[in-house]
Amino acid sequence: MKRALFPGSFDPITLGHYDIIKRGVKLFDEVIVAIGVNSEKKYMFSLEDRKRFLEETFKDEPKVKVVTYKGLTIDFCKEVKAQFILRGLRNPADFEFEKAIAHTNRKLSKIETVFLLTAARTSYISSSIVREVIRNNGDYTVLVPDSVRIKL
């Protein structure tokens, strides 16, 4: 079984994340969407809300599993027997940042990172932009899946 881990904070899930996951299930037998827990980071949405957003979004997709984890992503990959890390790239800055992480992960393990370019229609969307739009009472609904829209 080809299993990929798609790690992130998903605070909240965006249409960009959605696009990468939907395309990832065409490449892998299973995509584990893994919400990383970082006690140093301040989140807008609780871990439970972020998990619920993802589970509701992919409730009809049997190849997607949603979990939470702490610690190094490569250690969690080994724990769940994921051979690949799936990452989305929006721009050159994402590439430089993700490339360094992928090289480090490859040095520390045998886990390969697979990059998918985001679709042009979602390449400008980030969770931080969505949070800023929400904080300022803007129309965030065009940036997130229905599961997030319903809960706010």
Protein backbone atom coordinates (compact mmCIF):
# COMPACT_ATOMS: atom_id res chain seq x y z
CA MET A 1 0.00 0.00 0.00
CA LYS A 2 1.30 3.45 -0.95
CA ARG A 3 0.52 5.65 2.04
CA ALA A 4 1.27 9.38 2.21
CA LEU A 5 1.18 11.69 5.20
CA PHE A 6 0.00 15.26 4.56
CA PRO A 7 1.11 17.17 7.67
CA GLY A 8 0.06 20.66 8.68
CA SER A 9 -1.68 22.78 11.27
CA PHE A 10 -4.79 23.30 9.11
CA ASP A 11 -5.80 26.41 11.05
CA PRO A 12 -8.17 26.27 9.20
CA ILE A 13 -8.19 23.95 6.19
CA THR A 14 -8.30 25.99 2.98
CA LEU A 15 -9.38 25.24 -0.57
CA GLY A 16 -5.66 24.93 -1.34
CA HIS A 17 -5.29 22.10 1.18
CA TYR A 18 -8.47 20.53 -0.18
CA ASP A 19 -7.09 20.58 -3.71
CA ILE A 20 -3.80 18.93 -2.71
CA ILE A 21 -5.59 16.20 -0.72
CA LYS A 22 -8.08 15.45 -3.53
CA ARG A 23 -5.23 15.18 -6.02
CA GLY A 24 -3.17 13.14 -3.55
CA VAL A 25 -5.81 10.42 -3.28
CA LYS A 26 -5.38 9.83 -7.01
CA LEU A 27 -1.68 9.08 -6.45
CA PHE A 28 -1.75 7.12 -3.20
CA ASP A 29 -3.78 4.28 -1.74
CA GLU A 30 -4.25 6.30 1.44
CA VAL A 31 -3.62 9.90 2.46
CA ILE A 32 -3.28 10.50 6.17
CA VAL A 33 -4.02 14.14 6.92
CA ALA A 34 -1.98 14.72 10.07
CA ILE A 35 -2.63 17.75 12.24
CA GLY A 36 0.59 18.58 14.00
CA VAL A 37 0.39 19.75 17.61
CA ASN A 38 2.84 22.52 18.46
CA SER A 39 2.50 23.87 21.99
CA GLU A 40 4.50 26.98 21.00
CA LYS A 41 1.99 28.03 18.36
CA LYS A 42 -1.19 30.00 19.05
CA TYR A 43 -4.08 28.68 16.97
CA MET A 44 -7.33 30.42 16.00
CA PHE A 45 -9.24 27.12 16.05
CA SER A 46 -9.00 24.35 18.64
CA LEU A 47 -7.44 21.03 17.69
CA GLU A 48 -10.89 19.44 17.95
CA ASP A 49 -12.40 22.01 15.54
CA ARG A 50 -9.57 21.61 13.03
CA LYS A 51 -9.95 17.83 13.13
CA ARG A 52 -13.72 18.11 12.73
CA PHE A 53 -13.35 20.51 9.74
CA LEU A 54 -11.15 17.94 7.99
CA GLU A 55 -13.27 14.92 8.89
CA GLU A 56 -16.44 16.62 7.66
CA THR A 57 -14.75 17.77 4.47
CA PHE A 58 -13.56 14.25 3.61
CA LYS A 59 -16.36 12.16 5.15
CA ASP A 60 -17.16 10.67 1.72
CA GLU A 61 -13.54 9.95 0.79
CA PRO A 62 -12.55 6.53 2.19
CA LYS A 63 -8.90 6.98 1.19
CA VAL A 64 -8.48 9.95 3.55
CA LYS A 65 -7.80 9.44 7.25
CA VAL A 66 -7.52 12.39 9.69
CA VAL A 67 -5.28 12.13 12.76
CA THR A 68 -3.32 14.32 15.17
CA TYR A 69 0.30 13.90 16.19
CA LYS A 70 3.14 15.38 18.22
CA GLY A 71 6.86 15.26 17.55
CA LEU A 72 8.85 14.81 14.38
CA THR A 73 6.88 14.16 11.23
CA ILE A 74 9.28 11.43 10.12
CA ASP A 75 8.82 9.59 13.41
CA PHE A 76 5.06 9.73 12.95
CA CYS A 77 5.44 8.51 9.36
CA LYS A 78 7.27 5.46 10.67
CA GLU A 79 4.57 4.91 13.31
CA VAL A 80 1.75 4.89 10.72
CA LYS A 81 3.87 3.19 8.03
CA ALA A 82 3.69 6.12 5.60
CA GLN A 83 6.38 5.90 2.93
CA PHE A 84 5.75 9.41 1.59
CA ILE A 85 5.19 12.93 2.84
CA LEU A 86 2.84 14.94 0.65
CA ARG A 87 3.33 18.71 0.44
CA GLY A 88 1.79 21.48 -1.62
CA LEU A 89 3.79 24.29 -3.17
CA ARG A 90 2.22 27.69 -3.87
CA ASN A 91 5.27 29.73 -4.81
CA PRO A 92 9.09 29.80 -4.95
CA ALA A 93 9.34 30.72 -1.25
CA ASP A 94 7.34 27.59 -0.34
CA PHE A 95 9.70 25.55 -2.50
CA GLU A 96 12.84 26.83 -0.76
CA PHE A 97 11.36 26.25 2.70
CA GLU A 98 9.95 22.81 1.88
CA LYS A 99 13.09 21.72 0.04
CA ALA A 100 15.20 22.20 3.18
CA ILE A 101 12.74 20.18 5.25
CA ALA A 102 12.56 17.43 2.60
CA HIS A 103 16.36 17.15 2.44
CA THR A 104 16.54 16.94 6.24
CA ASN A 105 13.79 14.32 6.38
CA ARG A 106 15.53 12.30 3.66
CA LYS A 107 18.83 12.49 5.56
CA LEU A 108 17.19 11.29 8.78
CA SER A 109 14.98 8.61 7.22
CA LYS A 110 14.10 6.88 3.98
CA ILE A 111 10.81 8.74 3.63
CA GLU A 112 10.37 10.54 0.31
CA THR A 113 8.62 13.88 -0.01
CA VAL A 114 6.27 14.35 -2.95
CA PHE A 115 5.45 17.92 -3.97
CA LEU A 116 2.30 18.95 -5.80
CA LEU A 117 1.94 22.43 -7.22
CA THR A 118 -1.23 24.09 -6.07
CA ALA A 119 -3.86 24.84 -8.67
CA ALA A 120 -3.65 28.39 -10.03
CA ARG A 121 -7.12 29.14 -8.66
CA THR A 122 -5.97 28.41 -5.07
CA SER A 123 -2.28 29.31 -5.15
CA TYR A 124 -2.77 32.59 -3.30
CA ILE A 125 -4.69 31.07 -0.37
CA SER A 126 -3.00 30.39 2.96
CA SER A 127 -4.41 29.68 6.41
CA SER A 128 -2.83 32.89 7.70
CA ILE A 129 -4.65 34.92 5.03
CA VAL A 130 -7.92 33.17 5.90
CA ARG A 131 -7.42 33.94 9.60
CA GLU A 132 -6.78 37.61 8.80
CA VAL A 133 -9.92 37.81 6.66
CA ILE A 134 -11.95 36.19 9.49
CA ARG A 135 -10.50 38.55 12.12
CA ASN A 136 -11.53 41.52 9.99
CA ASN A 137 -15.03 40.22 9.22
CA GLY A 138 -14.29 39.68 5.54
CA ASP A 139 -15.87 37.09 3.26
CA TYR A 140 -13.70 34.07 4.04
CA THR A 141 -16.27 31.65 2.55
CA VAL A 142 -14.65 31.72 -0.89
CA LEU A 143 -11.37 30.48 0.63
CA VAL A 144 -12.43 27.45 2.68
CA PRO A 145 -14.49 24.24 2.31
CA ASP A 146 -18.11 24.20 3.47
CA SER A 147 -17.18 22.45 6.74
CA VAL A 148 -15.40 25.61 7.93
CA ARG A 149 -18.10 27.96 6.69
CA ILE A 150 -20.77 26.14 8.68
CA LYS A 151 -18.87 26.34 11.98
CA LEU A 152 -18.13 30.07 12.14
